[in-house]
Protein backbone atom coordinates (compact mmCIF):
# COMPACT_ATOMS: atom_id res chain seq x y z
CA MET A 1 5.36 -1.43 -7.67
CA VAL A 2 7.72 -0.73 -5.13
CA VAL A 3 9.08 2.85 -3.92
CA PRO A 4 11.73 3.11 -1.49
CA PHE A 5 13.01 6.47 -0.22
CA ALA A 6 16.31 6.98 1.73
CA GLY A 7 15.48 9.85 3.87
CA ALA A 8 18.88 9.70 6.03
CA GLY A 9 21.77 7.46 4.85
CA ASP A 10 22.25 5.64 1.59
CA VAL A 11 20.35 2.13 0.59
CA ALA A 12 22.13 -0.46 -1.54
CA TYR A 13 19.89 -2.63 -3.60
CA GLU A 14 20.46 -5.51 -5.40
CA ASP A 15 18.01 -8.04 -7.00
CA PHE A 16 18.34 -11.74 -8.50
CA GLU A 17 18.99 -10.55 -11.88
CA GLY A 18 22.11 -8.82 -11.30
CA HIS A 19 20.72 -5.06 -10.82
CA LYS A 20 22.52 -3.29 -8.08
CA GLY A 21 23.18 0.37 -6.99
CA THR A 22 22.69 2.58 -4.25
CA ILE A 23 19.78 4.92 -3.48
CA GLY A 24 21.26 8.26 -2.05
CA ALA A 25 19.86 10.42 0.90
CA GLY A 26 17.04 12.10 -0.19
CA ASN A 27 16.25 10.26 -3.11
CA LEU A 28 13.62 7.58 -4.23
CA GLN A 29 13.51 4.90 -6.68
CA TRP A 30 10.83 3.31 -8.74
CA MET A 31 10.60 -0.58 -9.19
CA THR A 32 8.01 -2.32 -10.87
CA SER A 33 8.25 -5.97 -9.99
CA GLY A 34 6.17 -7.38 -12.56
CA ARG A 35 5.86 -11.14 -12.65
CA GLY A 36 8.01 -11.47 -9.56
CA ILE A 37 11.40 -10.51 -8.17
CA VAL A 38 13.58 -11.19 -5.06
CA TYR A 39 15.64 -8.44 -3.96
CA SER A 40 17.32 -6.88 -0.99
CA GLU A 41 17.65 -3.28 0.35
CA ILE A 42 20.32 -2.75 3.05
CA PRO A 43 22.11 0.27 4.68
CA ALA A 44 25.08 1.33 2.66
CA SER A 45 26.79 3.13 5.41
CA ASN A 46 27.17 3.30 9.45
CA GLY A 47 25.21 6.08 10.93
CA THR A 48 21.50 6.79 11.53
CA LYS A 49 19.01 5.80 8.86
CA LYS A 50 15.77 7.00 8.06
CA GLY A 51 13.35 5.92 5.13
CA LEU A 52 10.05 5.10 3.78
CA HIS A 53 9.07 2.04 1.69
CA ILE A 54 5.91 2.28 -0.29
CA TRP A 55 3.80 -0.58 -2.08
CA ILE A 56 1.59 0.56 -4.75
CA ASN A 57 -0.96 -1.89 -6.23
CA LEU A 58 -1.09 -1.86 -9.74
CA SER A 59 -3.99 -2.42 -12.11
CA TYR A 60 -4.16 -5.85 -13.55
CA GLY A 61 -3.09 -4.81 -17.17
CA LEU A 62 -0.01 -3.76 -15.63
CA PHE A 63 0.60 -6.33 -13.07
CA CYS A 64 2.57 -8.88 -15.04
CA THR A 65 4.88 -6.43 -17.11
CA ALA A 66 8.51 -6.93 -16.94
CA ILE A 67 10.61 -5.73 -14.09
CA LEU A 68 11.94 -1.96 -14.38
CA TRP A 69 14.28 -0.18 -12.16
CA GLN A 70 13.92 3.80 -12.56
């Protein structure tokens, strides 16, 4: 599971299945990568950027789940 947090400035994301959007400053997103995913996160605007990217190791039973964005 990946949890990106946009502390200052917006972050744009997109994956290989066509899911895309923007994480606004002060918000976070939960992404379960399941069996594998290719994705990008890039600054969505000019100016100062601050953020945090957390990777969480899921239990084996949840490891091969479908990709899920929240």
